[in-house]
Protein backbone atom coordinates (compact mmCIF):
# COMPACT_ATOMS: atom_id res chain seq x y z
CA UNK A 1 -47.91 26.99 19.92
CA UNK A 2 -44.44 24.98 21.72
CA UNK A 3 -41.71 24.28 19.69
CA UNK A 4 -42.77 20.70 19.04
CA UNK A 5 -45.55 21.75 17.44
CA UNK A 6 -43.56 24.64 15.34
CA UNK A 7 -40.84 21.97 14.35
CA UNK A 8 -43.51 19.18 13.49
CA UNK A 9 -44.06 20.21 9.91
CA UNK A 10 -40.54 20.75 9.31
CA UNK A 11 -39.57 17.53 10.02
CA UNK A 12 -38.79 15.31 7.09
CA UNK A 13 -38.52 11.80 6.98
CA UNK A 14 -34.61 11.44 5.54
CA UNK A 15 -32.58 9.53 8.07
CA UNK A 16 -29.74 11.58 9.48
CA UNK A 17 -28.73 8.62 11.77
CA UNK A 18 -29.16 4.98 12.00
CA UNK A 19 -29.08 2.14 14.40
CA UNK A 20 -29.31 -1.37 14.33
CA UNK A 21 -28.84 -3.89 16.84
CA UNK A 22 -25.91 -2.34 18.50
CA UNK A 23 -24.22 -3.56 21.98
CA UNK A 24 -21.55 -2.43 23.92
CA UNK A 25 -19.39 -4.14 26.32
CA UNK A 26 -17.22 -2.81 29.08
CA UNK A 27 -14.79 -5.94 29.45
CA UNK A 28 -18.04 -8.47 30.69
CA UNK A 29 -20.30 -5.64 31.39
CA UNK A 30 -23.13 -5.72 28.89
CA UNK A 31 -23.71 -1.93 28.77
CA UNK A 32 -25.91 -1.30 25.57
CA UNK A 33 -28.31 -4.07 24.18
CA UNK A 34 -29.83 -4.10 21.19
CA UNK A 35 -30.32 -0.65 20.26
CA UNK A 36 -32.39 -0.12 17.47
CA UNK A 37 -32.85 3.64 16.32
CA UNK A 38 -33.85 5.85 13.77
CA UNK A 39 -33.60 9.71 13.57
CA UNK A 40 -34.81 11.85 11.52
CA UNK A 41 -33.45 15.00 9.49
CA UNK A 42 -34.41 18.17 11.90
CA UNK A 43 -36.34 15.65 14.41
CA UNK A 44 -35.64 16.04 18.02
CA UNK A 45 -35.17 13.15 20.70
CA UNK A 46 -35.03 13.50 24.11
CA UNK A 47 -33.66 10.57 26.45
CA UNK A 48 -34.23 9.70 30.12
CA UNK A 49 -33.84 7.13 32.11
CA UNK A 50 -31.78 6.25 35.36
CA UNK A 51 -28.32 6.69 36.19
CA UNK A 52 -26.27 3.88 34.78
CA UNK A 53 -28.65 2.83 32.10
CA UNK A 54 -26.82 4.06 29.43
CA UNK A 55 -27.93 7.03 27.95
CA UNK A 56 -24.64 8.56 27.62
CA UNK A 57 -22.80 5.97 26.50
CA UNK A 58 -25.43 5.67 23.92
CA UNK A 59 -24.87 8.91 22.34
CA UNK A 60 -21.22 9.72 22.64
CA UNK A 61 -21.05 6.21 20.26
CA UNK A 62 -22.85 8.20 17.48
CA UNK A 63 -19.69 10.11 17.20
CA UNK A 64 -17.29 7.56 17.88
CA UNK A 65 -16.01 8.63 22.05
CA UNK A 66 -16.97 5.13 22.27
CA UNK A 67 -16.50 2.45 20.22
CA UNK A 68 -19.47 -0.39 19.88
CA UNK A 69 -18.87 -4.09 19.47
CA UNK A 70 -21.77 -4.92 17.63
CA UNK A 71 -24.39 -3.45 15.00
CA UNK A 72 -24.05 -0.53 13.13
CA UNK A 73 -24.53 3.17 13.26
CA UNK A 74 -24.71 5.01 9.90
CA UNK A 75 -24.05 9.00 10.53
CA UNK A 76 -25.25 10.60 7.45
CA UNK A 77 -24.34 7.73 5.19
CA UNK A 78 -21.41 7.15 6.99
CA UNK A 79 -21.14 3.89 8.93
CA UNK A 80 -18.85 4.45 11.80
CA UNK A 81 -15.89 1.84 12.14
CA UNK A 82 -12.25 1.63 12.81
CA UNK A 83 -11.55 4.19 9.58
CA UNK A 84 -10.17 7.34 11.34
CA UNK A 85 -11.18 9.60 8.20
CA UNK A 86 -14.78 8.49 8.68
CA UNK A 87 -14.35 9.08 12.61
CA UNK A 88 -13.04 12.40 11.75
CA UNK A 89 -15.64 13.42 9.19
CA UNK A 90 -18.57 12.48 11.77
CA UNK A 91 -16.68 14.34 14.47
CA UNK A 92 -16.69 17.32 12.56
CA UNK A 93 -20.65 17.39 11.31
CA UNK A 94 -22.11 16.17 14.73
CA UNK A 95 -21.31 18.88 17.62
CA UNK A 96 -21.71 17.57 20.99
CA UNK A 97 -22.04 19.50 24.38
CA UNK A 98 -21.18 17.90 28.07
CA UNK A 99 -22.10 18.28 31.24
CA UNK A 100 -19.12 20.07 31.55
CA UNK A 101 -18.29 22.69 29.49
CA UNK A 102 -14.67 21.63 28.59
CA UNK A 103 -13.61 25.15 27.33
CA UNK A 104 -9.74 26.21 27.24
CA UNK A 105 -9.41 28.04 30.23
CA UNK A 106 -5.96 29.92 28.84
CA UNK A 107 -7.95 31.31 25.97
CA UNK A 108 -10.52 33.97 26.00
CA UNK A 109 -14.00 33.09 24.34
CA UNK A 110 -13.70 34.38 21.21
CA UNK A 111 -10.70 32.02 20.98
CA UNK A 112 -12.76 29.31 22.04
CA UNK A 113 -14.69 29.36 19.79
CA UNK A 114 -12.12 30.06 16.61
CA UNK A 115 -9.99 27.40 17.03
CA UNK A 116 -12.12 24.52 15.68
CA UNK A 117 -13.21 26.23 12.40
CA UNK A 118 -9.36 27.53 11.88
CA UNK A 119 -7.38 24.58 12.65
CA UNK A 120 -10.58 22.03 11.53
CA UNK A 121 -11.55 23.94 8.57
CA UNK A 122 -9.21 25.74 7.84
CA UNK A 123 -11.44 29.13 7.79
CA UNK A 124 -9.70 32.53 7.72
CA UNK A 125 -9.06 33.74 11.14
CA UNK A 126 -11.37 37.12 10.24
CA UNK A 127 -14.36 35.10 8.65
CA UNK A 128 -13.99 32.65 11.64
CA UNK A 129 -14.23 35.32 14.45
CA UNK A 130 -17.12 36.88 12.11
CA UNK A 131 -18.95 33.10 12.62
CA UNK A 132 -18.12 33.56 16.55
CA UNK A 133 -19.67 36.54 17.24
CA UNK A 134 -22.93 35.32 15.07
CA UNK A 135 -23.28 32.17 17.33
CA UNK A 136 -21.83 34.30 20.76
CA UNK A 137 -25.15 36.54 19.26
CA UNK A 138 -27.49 33.89 18.96
CA UNK A 139 -27.14 32.53 22.57
CA UNK A 140 -27.19 36.40 23.76
CA UNK A 141 -23.30 36.11 25.28
CA UNK A 142 -21.60 38.35 22.50
CA UNK A 143 -20.29 40.95 25.26
CA UNK A 144 -18.58 37.99 26.77
CA UNK A 145 -15.96 37.36 23.80
CA UNK A 146 -12.96 38.87 24.78
CA UNK A 147 -13.43 37.87 28.68
CA UNK A 148 -11.96 34.27 29.97
CA UNK A 149 -14.03 31.31 30.87
CA UNK A 150 -13.35 31.63 34.65
CA UNK A 151 -14.51 34.90 34.19
CA UNK A 152 -18.25 33.73 33.18
CA UNK A 153 -21.05 31.70 35.11
CA UNK A 154 -21.89 28.36 34.64
CA UNK A 155 -24.65 29.08 32.61
CA UNK A 156 -22.68 31.64 30.59
CA UNK A 157 -20.03 28.86 30.20
CA UNK A 158 -22.68 26.46 28.81
CA UNK A 159 -23.87 28.65 26.49
CA UNK A 160 -20.72 29.28 25.29
CA UNK A 161 -20.02 25.74 24.68
CA UNK A 162 -23.02 25.34 22.78
CA UNK A 163 -22.08 28.41 20.71
CA UNK A 164 -18.23 26.39 19.73
CA UNK A 165 -19.92 23.49 18.78
CA UNK A 166 -22.48 25.72 16.47
CA UNK A 167 -19.13 27.14 14.95
CA UNK A 168 -17.92 24.01 12.97
CA UNK A 169 -21.74 24.33 11.73
CA UNK A 170 -23.13 20.40 12.52
CA UNK A 171 -26.24 19.20 10.89
CA UNK A 172 -26.59 17.02 14.66
CA UNK A 173 -26.05 18.17 18.10
CA UNK A 174 -26.24 15.96 20.40
CA UNK A 175 -26.14 17.14 24.39
CA UNK A 176 -25.42 15.00 27.58
CA UNK A 177 -27.69 16.44 30.36
CA UNK A 178 -26.07 19.85 29.28
CA UNK A 179 -27.62 21.40 32.57
CA UNK A 180 -26.84 18.71 35.07
CA UNK A 181 -23.64 20.57 36.29
CA UNK A 182 -25.47 24.12 36.70
CA UNK A 183 -27.17 26.05 39.52
CA UNK A 184 -30.77 25.62 39.47
CA UNK A 185 -30.81 29.27 38.47
CA UNK A 186 -28.84 28.59 35.52
CA UNK A 187 -30.69 25.76 33.81
CA UNK A 188 -33.26 27.88 31.96
CA UNK A 189 -30.95 30.16 30.13
CA UNK A 190 -28.92 27.26 28.84
CA UNK A 191 -32.55 25.32 28.15
CA UNK A 192 -33.97 28.90 26.62
CA UNK A 193 -30.51 28.68 24.27
CA UNK A 194 -31.41 24.64 23.24
CA UNK A 195 -35.34 25.75 22.50
CA UNK A 196 -34.31 28.10 20.32
CA UNK A 197 -31.89 25.58 18.63
CA UNK A 198 -35.18 23.08 17.97
CA UNK A 199 -37.05 26.33 16.71
CA UNK A 200 -34.08 26.59 13.84
CA UNK A 201 -35.28 23.07 12.94
CA UNK A 202 -31.29 21.27 14.35
CA UNK A 203 -31.31 17.64 14.78
CA UNK A 204 -30.98 17.06 18.34
CA UNK A 205 -30.72 14.54 20.51
CA UNK A 206 -30.59 15.40 24.24
CA UNK A 207 -29.68 13.27 27.60
CA UNK A 208 -31.57 15.19 30.27
CA UNK A 209 -34.24 14.98 33.13
CA UNK A 210 -35.30 18.15 32.33
CA UNK A 211 -39.18 16.77 31.63
CA UNK A 212 -40.49 20.34 30.90
CA UNK A 213 -37.87 20.71 28.12
CA UNK A 214 -38.59 17.06 26.94
CA UNK A 215 -42.59 18.08 26.80
CA UNK A 216 -42.47 21.24 24.79
CA UNK A 217 -39.21 20.37 22.15
CA UNK A 218 -38.88 16.56 21.94
CA UNK A 219 -40.71 14.88 19.11
CA UNK A 220 -40.14 11.58 20.63
CA UNK A 221 -39.08 10.98 23.97
CA UNK A 222 -36.97 7.19 24.37
CA UNK A 223 -36.69 5.63 27.86
CA UNK A 224 -33.87 3.72 28.84
CA UNK A 225 -32.50 1.03 31.56
CA UNK A 226 -30.18 -1.63 31.97
CA UNK A 227 -28.96 -0.55 28.53
CA UNK A 228 -32.40 -0.91 26.47
CA UNK A 229 -34.38 1.69 24.83
CA UNK A 230 -37.52 0.14 27.04
CA UNK A 231 -39.94 2.56 25.24
CA UNK A 232 -40.18 5.45 23.20
CA UNK A 233 -43.49 7.84 21.70
CA UNK A 234 -44.40 10.83 21.19
CA UNK A 235 -44.31 13.11 24.52
CA UNK A 236 -48.23 13.70 25.21
CA UNK A 237 -48.20 10.03 24.93
CA UNK A 238 -44.84 8.82 26.63
CA UNK A 239 -45.90 11.20 29.79
CA UNK A 240 -49.72 10.85 30.33
CA UNK A 241 -50.14 6.88 29.05
CA UNK A 242 -46.72 5.18 29.69
CA UNK A 243 -46.85 1.37 28.39
CA UNK A 244 -43.88 -0.04 30.37
CA UNK A 245 -44.19 -0.37 34.28
CA UNK A 246 -40.39 0.70 35.06
CA UNK A 247 -41.22 3.68 32.79
CA UNK A 248 -44.29 4.18 34.90
CA UNK A 249 -41.95 3.93 37.84
CA UNK A 250 -39.55 6.52 36.80
CA UNK A 251 -42.17 9.22 36.07
CA UNK A 252 -43.37 8.93 39.29
CA UNK A 253 -40.03 9.39 40.89
CA UNK A 254 -39.07 12.77 38.75
CA UNK A 255 -42.35 13.92 37.88
CA UNK A 256 -44.17 16.34 40.53
């Protein structure tokens, strides 16, 4: 039984993210057009599409790293506007893992992990370190706790980045092409950690071209092109019976 099958029963029809009629421009360039998306608690969504289609911009709007100009984004009942308090609250509850690991090179791994809980959540240092070790165990890298990022491989650093987000105990995790900067032999170790998170019931939105991951873990796969969601479906239907010509072309190019 794959992660989709084990997790499908646990997905509650409780919206955690609701995006309605959302648009974004960079100057004259209309980068996101009429985005409508509801993500339920415990649901796992993979977003794919060609470079420049707006995938990363979309998920960066969900925690206000990018600002949308029209429509609404509501995360756990809080609408994202210019209200800084709301933005800060959402950012503490929505974890994000980027292509590049963004670890502080002058801090040890455990110091990287405890920084957020201590400063943002006011967690006592000892408790923060216990939480950090728990998540380092979870991503199978506890023995690296007192090393510096530069002493770790790319795959190890990305697992640290995932653990760092988990230390804030988010209810949603956003992944922006988390394996694209890794050597091929390191991709599996990061995907294995993400599969483990999926099996634990984490709500996840993943921008990725790892179609094997999408098939085994996603509840839904979205295809974006030219700033729009062109097609969305359950993985089996999406891969075996794509409806849109643009989706068919994309899949023919990336699937062996």
